[in-house]
């Protein structure tokens, strides 16, 4: 059974958060090999929702954002929050 096509990465994340909430979405490898952080689809979706709401509250008409993060999963969360 093939997975349905999704119109965006955010739609795919929402689907996975609903249907595979406890599966690991992303793993950060601190040195390219050693796992240091993981995040599930549900955790990712919840954090992305919080960040998106904060961004809309801080600058509701913004068309662009600069993302400056050290290596880690926070960058991916922020990227999805901007989407």
N, C-alpha and C. Protein backbone atom coordinates (compact mmCIF):
# COMPACT_ATOMS: atom_id res chain seq x y z
N UNK A 1 0.85 -1.18 0.00
CA UNK A 1 0.00 0.00 0.00
C UNK A 1 0.89 1.23 0.00
N UNK A 2 0.74 2.08 -0.97
CA UNK A 2 1.57 3.29 -1.04
C UNK A 2 0.95 4.40 -0.20
N UNK A 3 1.80 5.26 0.27
CA UNK A 3 1.36 6.39 1.08
C UNK A 3 0.79 7.47 0.18
N UNK A 4 -0.28 8.13 0.60
CA UNK A 4 -0.85 9.19 -0.24
C UNK A 4 0.11 10.36 -0.38
N UNK A 5 -0.03 11.07 -1.48
CA UNK A 5 0.79 12.26 -1.69
C UNK A 5 0.29 13.37 -0.76
N UNK A 6 1.21 14.18 -0.32
CA UNK A 6 0.87 15.28 0.58
C UNK A 6 1.25 16.60 -0.08
N UNK A 7 0.42 17.63 0.10
CA UNK A 7 0.68 18.91 -0.56
C UNK A 7 1.86 19.68 0.04
N UNK A 8 2.28 19.30 1.26
CA UNK A 8 3.39 20.03 1.89
C UNK A 8 4.04 19.14 2.96
N UNK A 9 5.21 19.54 3.39
CA UNK A 9 5.88 18.83 4.48
C UNK A 9 5.09 18.95 5.78
N UNK A 10 4.42 20.08 5.97
CA UNK A 10 3.62 20.27 7.17
C UNK A 10 2.43 19.30 7.18
N UNK A 11 1.81 19.09 6.03
CA UNK A 11 0.70 18.14 5.93
C UNK A 11 1.19 16.71 6.22
N UNK A 12 2.36 16.39 5.73
CA UNK A 12 2.95 15.08 6.00
C UNK A 12 3.24 14.92 7.49
N UNK A 13 3.80 15.95 8.12
CA UNK A 13 4.07 15.90 9.56
C UNK A 13 2.78 15.71 10.34
N UNK A 14 1.72 16.41 9.99
CA UNK A 14 0.43 16.27 10.67
C UNK A 14 -0.10 14.84 10.52
N UNK A 15 -0.01 14.29 9.33
CA UNK A 15 -0.44 12.91 9.09
C UNK A 15 0.33 11.94 9.98
N UNK A 16 1.65 12.10 9.99
CA UNK A 16 2.48 11.20 10.81
C UNK A 16 2.21 11.39 12.30
N UNK A 17 1.98 12.62 12.74
CA UNK A 17 1.68 12.87 14.16
C UNK A 17 0.38 12.20 14.56
N UNK A 18 -0.57 12.13 13.65
CA UNK A 18 -1.86 11.49 13.94
C UNK A 18 -1.78 9.96 13.88
N UNK A 19 -1.01 9.44 12.91
CA UNK A 19 -1.02 8.00 12.65
C UNK A 19 0.20 7.25 13.20
N UNK A 20 1.27 7.96 13.47
CA UNK A 20 2.48 7.34 14.00
C UNK A 20 3.08 8.24 15.09
N UNK A 21 2.30 8.65 16.08
CA UNK A 21 2.74 9.68 17.01
C UNK A 21 4.01 9.35 17.79
N UNK A 22 4.25 8.10 18.06
CA UNK A 22 5.39 7.73 18.91
C UNK A 22 6.59 7.23 18.12
N UNK A 23 6.49 7.23 16.80
CA UNK A 23 7.63 6.87 15.96
C UNK A 23 8.61 8.02 15.93
N UNK A 24 9.87 7.70 15.80
CA UNK A 24 10.91 8.73 15.76
C UNK A 24 10.87 9.43 14.40
N UNK A 25 10.77 10.75 14.44
CA UNK A 25 10.73 11.56 13.22
C UNK A 25 12.15 11.93 12.77
N UNK A 26 12.96 12.38 13.71
CA UNK A 26 14.32 12.81 13.40
C UNK A 26 15.27 12.38 14.51
N UNK A 27 16.49 12.12 14.09
CA UNK A 27 17.57 11.78 15.02
C UNK A 27 18.72 12.73 14.70
N UNK A 28 19.28 13.35 15.72
CA UNK A 28 20.47 14.18 15.51
C UNK A 28 21.69 13.37 15.91
N UNK A 29 22.62 13.28 14.99
CA UNK A 29 23.87 12.58 15.23
C UNK A 29 24.96 13.61 15.48
N UNK A 30 25.42 13.70 16.71
CA UNK A 30 26.32 14.76 17.14
C UNK A 30 27.62 14.79 16.34
N UNK A 31 28.14 13.64 15.98
CA UNK A 31 29.39 13.58 15.22
C UNK A 31 29.20 12.87 13.89
N UNK A 32 27.97 12.75 13.46
CA UNK A 32 27.67 12.04 12.23
C UNK A 32 27.42 10.56 12.47
N UNK A 33 27.68 10.10 13.69
CA UNK A 33 27.49 8.69 14.01
C UNK A 33 26.80 8.48 15.36
N UNK A 34 27.15 9.28 16.35
CA UNK A 34 26.64 9.09 17.71
C UNK A 34 25.33 9.86 17.90
N UNK A 35 24.28 9.11 18.24
CA UNK A 35 22.95 9.71 18.45
C UNK A 35 22.95 10.53 19.72
N UNK A 36 22.48 11.80 19.62
CA UNK A 36 22.42 12.63 20.82
C UNK A 36 21.01 13.11 21.14
N UNK A 37 20.14 13.20 20.13
CA UNK A 37 18.77 13.66 20.35
C UNK A 37 17.84 12.93 19.40
N UNK A 38 16.61 12.71 19.85
CA UNK A 38 15.55 12.21 18.97
C UNK A 38 14.28 13.00 19.26
N UNK A 39 13.38 12.97 18.30
CA UNK A 39 12.08 13.60 18.49
C UNK A 39 11.04 12.77 17.73
N UNK A 40 9.90 12.53 18.37
CA UNK A 40 8.83 11.78 17.72
C UNK A 40 8.00 12.71 16.85
N UNK A 41 7.15 12.11 16.02
CA UNK A 41 6.29 12.92 15.18
C UNK A 41 5.34 13.78 16.00
N UNK A 42 4.81 13.22 17.09
CA UNK A 42 3.90 14.00 17.94
C UNK A 42 4.63 15.15 18.62
N UNK A 43 5.80 14.88 19.18
CA UNK A 43 6.59 15.94 19.81
C UNK A 43 6.93 17.03 18.80
N UNK A 44 7.33 16.61 17.63
CA UNK A 44 7.69 17.56 16.57
C UNK A 44 6.48 18.42 16.20
N UNK A 45 5.34 17.80 16.00
CA UNK A 45 4.14 18.54 15.63
C UNK A 45 3.76 19.55 16.73
N UNK A 46 3.82 19.13 17.97
CA UNK A 46 3.46 20.03 19.07
C UNK A 46 4.42 21.22 19.14
N UNK A 47 5.70 20.97 19.00
CA UNK A 47 6.68 22.06 19.06
C UNK A 47 6.53 23.00 17.86
N UNK A 48 6.28 22.43 16.69
CA UNK A 48 6.09 23.25 15.48
C UNK A 48 4.87 24.14 15.65
N UNK A 49 3.79 23.62 16.22
CA UNK A 49 2.59 24.43 16.44
C UNK A 49 2.88 25.59 17.39
N UNK A 50 3.63 25.32 18.47
CA UNK A 50 3.98 26.39 19.41
C UNK A 50 4.83 27.47 18.73
N UNK A 51 5.82 27.04 17.97
CA UNK A 51 6.69 28.00 17.29
C UNK A 51 5.94 28.82 16.24
N UNK A 52 5.08 28.17 15.49
CA UNK A 52 4.30 28.87 14.46
C UNK A 52 3.39 29.91 15.10
N UNK A 53 2.75 29.54 16.21
CA UNK A 53 1.87 30.50 16.91
C UNK A 53 2.68 31.68 17.43
N UNK A 54 3.85 31.41 17.97
CA UNK A 54 4.71 32.48 18.48
C UNK A 54 5.14 33.41 17.34
N UNK A 55 5.55 32.83 16.22
CA UNK A 55 5.97 33.65 15.08
C UNK A 55 4.83 34.53 14.58
N UNK A 56 3.62 33.98 14.50
CA UNK A 56 2.46 34.78 14.05
C UNK A 56 2.17 35.91 15.04
N UNK A 57 2.36 35.65 16.33
CA UNK A 57 2.09 36.67 17.35
C UNK A 57 3.14 37.78 17.32
N UNK A 58 4.39 37.39 17.12
CA UNK A 58 5.48 38.36 17.14
C UNK A 58 5.49 39.23 15.89
N UNK A 59 5.30 38.62 14.74
CA UNK A 59 5.35 39.37 13.49
C UNK A 59 4.36 38.77 12.50
N UNK A 60 3.07 39.13 12.62
CA UNK A 60 2.03 38.49 11.82
C UNK A 60 2.15 38.70 10.31
N UNK A 61 2.83 39.74 9.88
CA UNK A 61 2.92 40.01 8.44
C UNK A 61 4.29 39.64 7.86
N UNK A 62 5.12 38.98 8.61
CA UNK A 62 6.47 38.65 8.13
C UNK A 62 6.41 37.72 6.93
N UNK A 63 7.28 37.98 5.98
CA UNK A 63 7.38 37.13 4.80
C UNK A 63 8.65 36.30 4.80
N UNK A 64 9.57 36.60 5.70
CA UNK A 64 10.83 35.86 5.77
C UNK A 64 11.32 35.84 7.21
N UNK A 65 12.15 34.87 7.49
CA UNK A 65 12.76 34.75 8.81
C UNK A 65 14.16 34.19 8.65
N UNK A 66 15.08 34.68 9.46
CA UNK A 66 16.43 34.13 9.49
C UNK A 66 16.52 33.13 10.62
N UNK A 67 17.06 31.95 10.34
CA UNK A 67 17.18 30.91 11.35
C UNK A 67 18.65 30.70 11.70
N UNK A 68 19.01 31.06 12.90
CA UNK A 68 20.39 30.92 13.37
C UNK A 68 20.39 30.00 14.58
N UNK A 69 20.81 28.78 14.38
CA UNK A 69 20.79 27.77 15.43
C UNK A 69 22.08 26.99 15.42
N UNK A 70 22.53 26.53 16.58
CA UNK A 70 23.63 25.57 16.60
C UNK A 70 23.10 24.24 16.07
N UNK A 71 23.98 23.32 15.70
CA UNK A 71 23.52 22.02 15.20
C UNK A 71 22.59 21.34 16.21
N UNK A 72 21.51 20.77 15.71
CA UNK A 72 20.57 20.06 16.56
C UNK A 72 19.17 20.08 15.99
N UNK A 73 18.26 19.49 16.72
CA UNK A 73 16.88 19.37 16.25
C UNK A 73 16.10 20.66 16.33
N UNK A 74 16.54 21.63 17.13
CA UNK A 74 15.80 22.90 17.23
C UNK A 74 15.71 23.60 15.88
N UNK A 75 16.73 23.45 15.05
CA UNK A 75 16.69 24.06 13.72
C UNK A 75 15.56 23.47 12.88
N UNK A 76 15.42 22.16 12.90
CA UNK A 76 14.37 21.50 12.12
C UNK A 76 12.99 21.93 12.62
N UNK A 77 12.84 22.02 13.94
CA UNK A 77 11.57 22.48 14.50
C UNK A 77 11.26 23.91 14.02
N UNK A 78 12.25 24.77 14.08
CA UNK A 78 12.05 26.16 13.66
C UNK A 78 11.74 26.25 12.17
N UNK A 79 12.41 25.45 11.37
CA UNK A 79 12.16 25.45 9.92
C UNK A 79 10.71 25.06 9.64
N UNK A 80 10.25 23.98 10.25
CA UNK A 80 8.86 23.57 10.08
C UNK A 80 7.90 24.62 10.64
N UNK A 81 8.26 25.28 11.74
CA UNK A 81 7.43 26.35 12.29
C UNK A 81 7.25 27.49 11.32
N UNK A 82 8.28 27.77 10.55
CA UNK A 82 8.20 28.82 9.52
C UNK A 82 7.32 28.40 8.35
N UNK A 83 7.35 27.11 8.04
CA UNK A 83 6.50 26.61 6.94
C UNK A 83 5.04 26.84 7.26
